[in-house]
Amino acid sequence: MPLISVIMGVYNCETDRLLRAVDSILSQTEKDFELIICDDGSNKKGKKALSSLPQDNRIRIITLGRNGGLANALNNALAEAKGEFIARQDDDDYSAPERFFEEVKFLRENPDIDFIGTDCNLFDNEGNIYGKRTMPEKIDKTSFLFNSPFIHGSMMFRRKIFDKYRYRTGDRYRRCEDYDLFMRLTADGYKSTNINKCLYNFYYDTKTRSTPFARRIDEFKVRKDCFGRLGLGPKGAIYCLKPIISGLIPSRVFMWIKKKTGRV
């Protein structure tokens, strides 16, 4: 049984980005892991990218017949995971070499914490790091009001979580399956935090980043459901409207606001 199971969902991925992501896993100082990649119905180009991966017996590829969304791909990977800890990695991001070592060390030293994330560097389409995102160390129910307090790809969970939970699937969760999961876990009493070290590098290109309005409505529905479970009351009802209000602001203006407030 490996110490860590790393789960990654891919769909029509680009070769260079996938190779960079996978290489960052294979280059970890902590070597006891398996990398489970779920191909979520990729086209020929995406399958060619997967065929370019190095030969390593720690890599396993699961192939789905049709695209079902990231949550479904991750659930399929989880079904195959054997590790004591479950780590995430996105196919267009990359991890610092010491990430797994630091995360396992933290979880072993803090048995009351069930899942963790880290700070991250932000990089653009050219691969240039242009900023940093510092995530909150103290997590409680109110941490979810504005945005998710975690970078999904940076996270590590104790296995017991996925013995009971899965990502929820369906159109409503296509852009916020992680946000939904974290809120459900917090509502049910699981404890979490962030390691305030940049152990992850997150692809966030401000020129191309956008969210369709339909997905913003879906996020409103997820917020309404989970804020109710968290018992956030009237304040939660107000923050439910945040994705819809954000969608009414022109994208250039919205990105300018995010830069000014340090959220990019």
Protein backbone atom coordinates (compact mmCIF):
# COMPACT_ATOMS: atom_id res chain seq x y z
CA MET A 1 0.00 0.00 0.00
CA PRO A 2 1.55 3.35 -1.01
CA LEU A 3 1.80 6.17 1.49
CA ILE A 4 0.09 8.63 -0.88
CA SER A 5 -2.41 8.28 -3.71
CA VAL A 6 -2.30 11.27 -6.06
CA ILE A 7 -5.49 11.73 -8.09
CA MET A 8 -5.66 13.72 -11.32
CA GLY A 9 -8.47 14.15 -13.83
CA VAL A 10 -7.52 15.05 -17.41
CA TYR A 11 -9.59 16.07 -20.41
CA ASN A 12 -8.05 17.12 -23.75
CA CYS A 13 -4.89 18.14 -21.92
CA GLU A 14 -1.89 19.76 -23.60
CA THR A 15 1.28 17.68 -23.72
CA ASP A 16 3.71 20.26 -22.32
CA ARG A 17 1.51 21.17 -19.38
CA LEU A 18 0.71 17.55 -18.53
CA LEU A 19 4.37 16.56 -18.68
CA ARG A 20 5.28 19.46 -16.37
CA ALA A 21 2.57 18.47 -13.88
CA VAL A 22 3.51 14.78 -13.87
CA ASP A 23 7.23 15.52 -13.69
CA SER A 24 6.59 17.64 -10.57
CA ILE A 25 5.02 14.57 -8.95
CA LEU A 26 7.74 12.16 -10.04
CA SER A 27 10.34 14.64 -8.71
CA GLN A 28 8.91 14.72 -5.18
CA THR A 29 11.36 14.14 -2.35
CA GLU A 30 8.75 11.78 -0.86
CA LYS A 31 8.86 8.82 -3.27
CA ASP A 32 6.23 6.52 -1.75
CA PHE A 33 3.19 7.33 -3.87
CA GLU A 34 0.99 6.22 -6.73
CA LEU A 35 -0.30 8.64 -9.38
CA ILE A 36 -3.76 7.76 -10.67
CA ILE A 37 -4.73 9.70 -13.80
CA CYS A 38 -8.31 9.46 -15.03
CA ASP A 39 -8.72 10.30 -18.71
CA ASP A 40 -12.21 11.78 -18.87
CA GLY A 41 -13.03 10.92 -22.50
CA SER A 42 -10.26 12.93 -24.18
CA ASN A 43 -9.95 13.42 -27.93
CA LYS A 44 -7.01 12.09 -30.00
CA LYS A 45 -4.80 15.04 -29.07
CA GLY A 46 -5.45 14.49 -25.37
CA LYS A 47 -4.76 10.76 -25.65
CA LYS A 48 -1.50 11.53 -27.47
CA ALA A 49 -0.48 13.74 -24.54
CA LEU A 50 -1.14 10.85 -22.15
CA SER A 51 0.88 8.45 -24.33
CA SER A 52 3.88 10.78 -24.00
CA LEU A 53 4.15 10.27 -20.23
CA PRO A 54 7.32 8.62 -18.92
CA GLN A 55 7.26 4.92 -18.11
CA ASP A 56 6.97 4.66 -14.34
CA ASN A 57 5.26 1.86 -12.45
CA ARG A 58 3.81 4.40 -10.01
CA ILE A 59 1.60 5.87 -12.76
CA ARG A 60 -1.77 4.30 -13.52
CA ILE A 61 -4.14 5.61 -16.20
CA ILE A 62 -7.89 4.99 -16.11
CA THR A 63 -9.79 5.67 -19.34
CA LEU A 64 -13.46 6.67 -19.40
CA GLY A 65 -15.53 6.29 -22.55
CA ARG A 66 -17.07 9.74 -22.44
CA ASN A 67 -16.58 13.06 -20.70
CA GLY A 68 -18.41 13.23 -17.37
CA GLY A 69 -16.72 16.19 -15.70
CA LEU A 70 -13.87 16.53 -13.22
CA ALA A 71 -15.88 15.33 -10.20
CA ASN A 72 -16.72 12.06 -11.95
CA ALA A 73 -13.11 11.59 -13.07
CA LEU A 74 -11.81 12.15 -9.53
CA ASN A 75 -14.37 9.75 -8.09
CA ASN A 76 -13.17 7.07 -10.51
CA ALA A 77 -9.57 7.72 -9.45
CA LEU A 78 -10.58 7.55 -5.77
CA ALA A 79 -12.14 4.15 -6.32
CA GLU A 80 -8.67 2.86 -7.27
CA ALA A 81 -6.70 4.75 -4.61
CA LYS A 82 -4.87 2.66 -1.99
CA GLY A 83 -2.83 5.29 -0.13
CA GLU A 84 -2.94 6.31 3.52
CA PHE A 85 -3.23 9.91 2.29
CA ILE A 86 -5.01 11.25 -0.80
CA ALA A 87 -3.40 14.17 -2.65
CA ARG A 88 -4.71 16.25 -5.53
CA GLN A 89 -2.85 17.57 -8.55
CA ASP A 90 -4.27 19.40 -11.57
CA ASP A 91 -2.91 18.65 -15.01
CA ASP A 92 -1.97 22.27 -15.82
CA ASP A 93 -0.31 23.13 -12.47
CA TYR A 94 2.86 21.84 -10.83
CA SER A 95 4.04 21.11 -7.30
CA ALA A 96 7.19 22.06 -5.40
CA PRO A 97 9.50 19.04 -4.85
CA GLU A 98 9.00 19.08 -1.08
CA ARG A 99 5.20 19.38 -1.18
CA PHE A 100 4.29 15.79 -0.24
CA PHE A 101 6.96 15.57 2.45
CA GLU A 102 5.71 18.79 4.06
CA GLU A 103 2.03 17.80 3.88
CA VAL A 104 2.50 14.30 5.31
CA LYS A 105 4.74 15.68 8.07
CA PHE A 106 2.10 18.26 9.00
CA LEU A 107 -0.76 15.74 9.10
CA ARG A 108 1.26 13.32 11.22
CA GLU A 109 2.19 16.07 13.67
CA ASN A 110 -1.41 17.37 13.84
CA PRO A 111 -3.76 14.38 14.23
CA ASP A 112 -6.73 16.70 14.82
CA ILE A 113 -6.48 18.08 11.25
CA ASP A 114 -8.25 16.06 8.54
CA PHE A 115 -7.32 17.89 5.33
CA ILE A 116 -4.95 20.66 4.30
CA GLY A 117 -3.98 22.95 1.45
CA THR A 118 -1.05 25.27 0.84
CA ASP A 119 -0.22 28.74 -0.45
CA CYS A 120 0.63 28.97 -4.13
CA ASN A 121 2.49 30.93 -6.77
CA LEU A 122 0.45 32.18 -9.73
CA PHE A 123 1.80 31.74 -13.25
CA ASP A 124 0.53 32.80 -16.67
CA ASN A 125 0.23 31.20 -20.12
CA GLU A 126 3.94 31.80 -20.78
CA GLY A 127 4.90 30.09 -17.53
CA ASN A 128 5.93 33.31 -15.80
CA ILE A 129 5.26 33.54 -12.05
CA TYR A 130 3.66 36.93 -11.44
CA GLY A 131 2.12 36.67 -8.00
CA LYS A 132 1.36 34.68 -4.89
CA ARG A 133 -1.82 33.64 -3.18
CA THR A 134 -1.72 33.34 0.61
CA MET A 135 -4.50 31.15 1.94
CA PRO A 136 -6.06 31.45 5.42
CA GLU A 137 -4.54 29.34 8.18
CA LYS A 138 -7.58 29.41 10.46
CA ILE A 139 -10.58 27.76 8.78
CA ASP A 140 -14.10 27.92 10.16
CA LYS A 141 -17.60 28.10 8.69
CA THR A 142 -17.28 31.79 7.80
CA SER A 143 -14.13 31.08 5.75
CA PHE A 144 -16.36 29.93 2.88
CA LEU A 145 -18.49 33.06 2.55
CA PHE A 146 -16.50 34.89 -0.11
CA ASN A 147 -14.61 32.09 -1.88
CA SER A 148 -13.17 28.68 -1.22
CA PRO A 149 -10.29 29.05 1.27
CA PHE A 150 -8.30 26.33 -0.52
CA ILE A 151 -6.38 25.76 -3.75
CA HIS A 152 -7.88 22.42 -4.77
CA GLY A 153 -4.81 21.06 -6.55
CA SER A 154 -2.59 21.71 -3.52
CA MET A 155 -4.56 19.59 -1.11
CA MET A 156 -3.99 16.42 0.86
CA PHE A 157 -6.66 14.47 2.78
CA ARG A 158 -6.66 11.65 5.27
CA ARG A 159 -8.00 8.52 3.62
CA LYS A 160 -10.89 8.24 6.09
CA ILE A 161 -12.60 11.18 4.38
CA PHE A 162 -12.98 9.33 1.10
CA ASP A 163 -14.07 6.16 2.83
CA LYS A 164 -17.28 8.13 3.45
CA TYR A 165 -17.44 11.01 0.95
CA ARG A 166 -17.17 11.56 -2.79
CA TYR A 167 -17.30 14.63 -5.01
CA ARG A 168 -20.88 15.38 -6.05
CA THR A 169 -21.43 15.09 -9.80
CA GLY A 170 -23.80 16.79 -12.23
CA ASP A 171 -23.88 20.12 -14.05
CA ARG A 172 -24.39 22.13 -10.86
CA TYR A 173 -20.96 21.08 -9.54
CA ARG A 174 -18.87 21.38 -12.72
CA ARG A 175 -17.03 24.50 -11.55
CA CYS A 176 -17.35 24.07 -7.78
CA GLU A 177 -17.17 20.35 -6.94
CA ASP A 178 -14.27 21.13 -4.60
CA TYR A 179 -15.98 24.10 -2.89
CA ASP A 180 -19.04 21.92 -2.28
CA LEU A 181 -16.96 19.07 -0.81
CA PHE A 182 -15.00 21.33 1.55
CA MET A 183 -18.19 22.93 2.88
CA ARG A 184 -19.86 19.57 3.46
CA LEU A 185 -16.80 18.30 5.32
CA THR A 186 -16.64 21.43 7.47
CA ALA A 187 -20.37 21.28 8.22
CA ASP A 188 -19.88 17.67 9.39
CA GLY A 189 -17.12 18.64 11.80
CA TYR A 190 -13.91 17.83 9.90
CA LYS A 191 -10.98 20.14 10.67
CA SER A 192 -8.72 21.77 8.10
CA THR A 193 -6.03 24.40 7.57
CA ASN A 194 -3.48 25.67 5.08
CA ILE A 195 0.29 25.38 5.31
CA ASN A 196 1.54 28.91 4.72
CA LYS A 197 4.28 27.88 2.30
CA CYS A 198 4.19 28.12 -1.50
CA LEU A 199 4.24 24.40 -2.24
CA TYR A 200 2.07 24.64 -5.36
CA ASN A 201 2.16 26.59 -8.62
CA PHE A 202 -1.27 27.50 -9.95
CA TYR A 203 -1.99 28.34 -13.60
CA TYR A 204 -4.09 31.50 -13.52
CA ASP A 205 -3.94 33.53 -16.72
CA THR A 206 -5.85 36.78 -16.21
CA LYS A 207 -6.20 37.23 -19.99
CA THR A 208 -8.21 34.06 -20.48
CA ARG A 209 -9.79 33.41 -17.09
CA SER A 210 -13.57 33.67 -17.21
CA THR A 211 -16.66 31.92 -15.85
CA PRO A 212 -19.82 31.46 -17.95
CA PHE A 213 -22.88 33.04 -16.34
CA ALA A 214 -24.67 29.67 -16.25
CA ARG A 215 -21.90 28.32 -14.02
CA ARG A 216 -22.32 31.32 -11.73
CA ILE A 217 -25.98 30.42 -11.28
CA ASP A 218 -24.89 26.87 -10.45
CA GLU A 219 -22.50 28.23 -7.83
CA PHE A 220 -25.36 30.27 -6.34
CA LYS A 221 -27.31 27.02 -5.91
CA VAL A 222 -24.34 25.23 -4.32
CA ARG A 223 -23.78 28.15 -1.94
CA LYS A 224 -27.46 28.21 -0.96
CA ASP A 225 -27.39 24.50 -0.15
CA CYS A 226 -24.06 24.42 1.71
CA PHE A 227 -24.43 27.74 3.52
CA GLY A 228 -27.65 26.32 4.94
CA ARG A 229 -25.79 23.21 6.14
CA LEU A 230 -23.11 25.42 7.67
CA GLY A 231 -25.74 27.47 9.52
CA LEU A 232 -24.49 30.80 8.18
CA GLY A 233 -27.88 32.50 8.54
CA PRO A 234 -28.78 35.87 6.98
CA LYS A 235 -25.14 36.68 6.25
CA GLY A 236 -24.91 33.51 4.20
CA ALA A 237 -28.02 34.48 2.23
CA ILE A 238 -26.35 37.73 1.19
CA TYR A 239 -23.12 36.02 0.13
CA CYS A 240 -25.09 33.50 -1.94
CA LEU A 241 -25.57 36.29 -4.47
CA LYS A 242 -21.84 36.96 -4.86
CA PRO A 243 -21.28 34.83 -8.03
CA ILE A 244 -24.30 36.36 -9.79
CA ILE A 245 -23.30 39.93 -8.89
CA SER A 246 -19.74 39.17 -10.05
CA GLY A 247 -21.09 37.89 -13.36
CA LEU A 248 -22.85 41.19 -14.03
CA ILE A 249 -19.58 43.12 -13.76
CA PRO A 250 -17.60 43.41 -17.06
CA SER A 251 -14.74 40.90 -17.03
CA ARG A 252 -12.00 43.54 -17.35
CA VAL A 253 -13.43 45.53 -14.45
CA PHE A 254 -13.86 42.38 -12.36
CA MET A 255 -10.26 41.33 -12.97
CA TRP A 256 -9.08 44.84 -12.06
CA ILE A 257 -11.00 44.59 -8.77
CA LYS A 258 -9.46 41.20 -8.02
CA LYS A 259 -5.96 42.56 -8.63
CA LYS A 260 -6.59 45.59 -6.42
CA THR A 261 -7.91 43.42 -3.60
CA GLY A 262 -5.04 40.94 -3.88
CA ARG A 263 -7.20 38.04 -5.04
CA VAL A 264 -5.14 37.49 -8.21
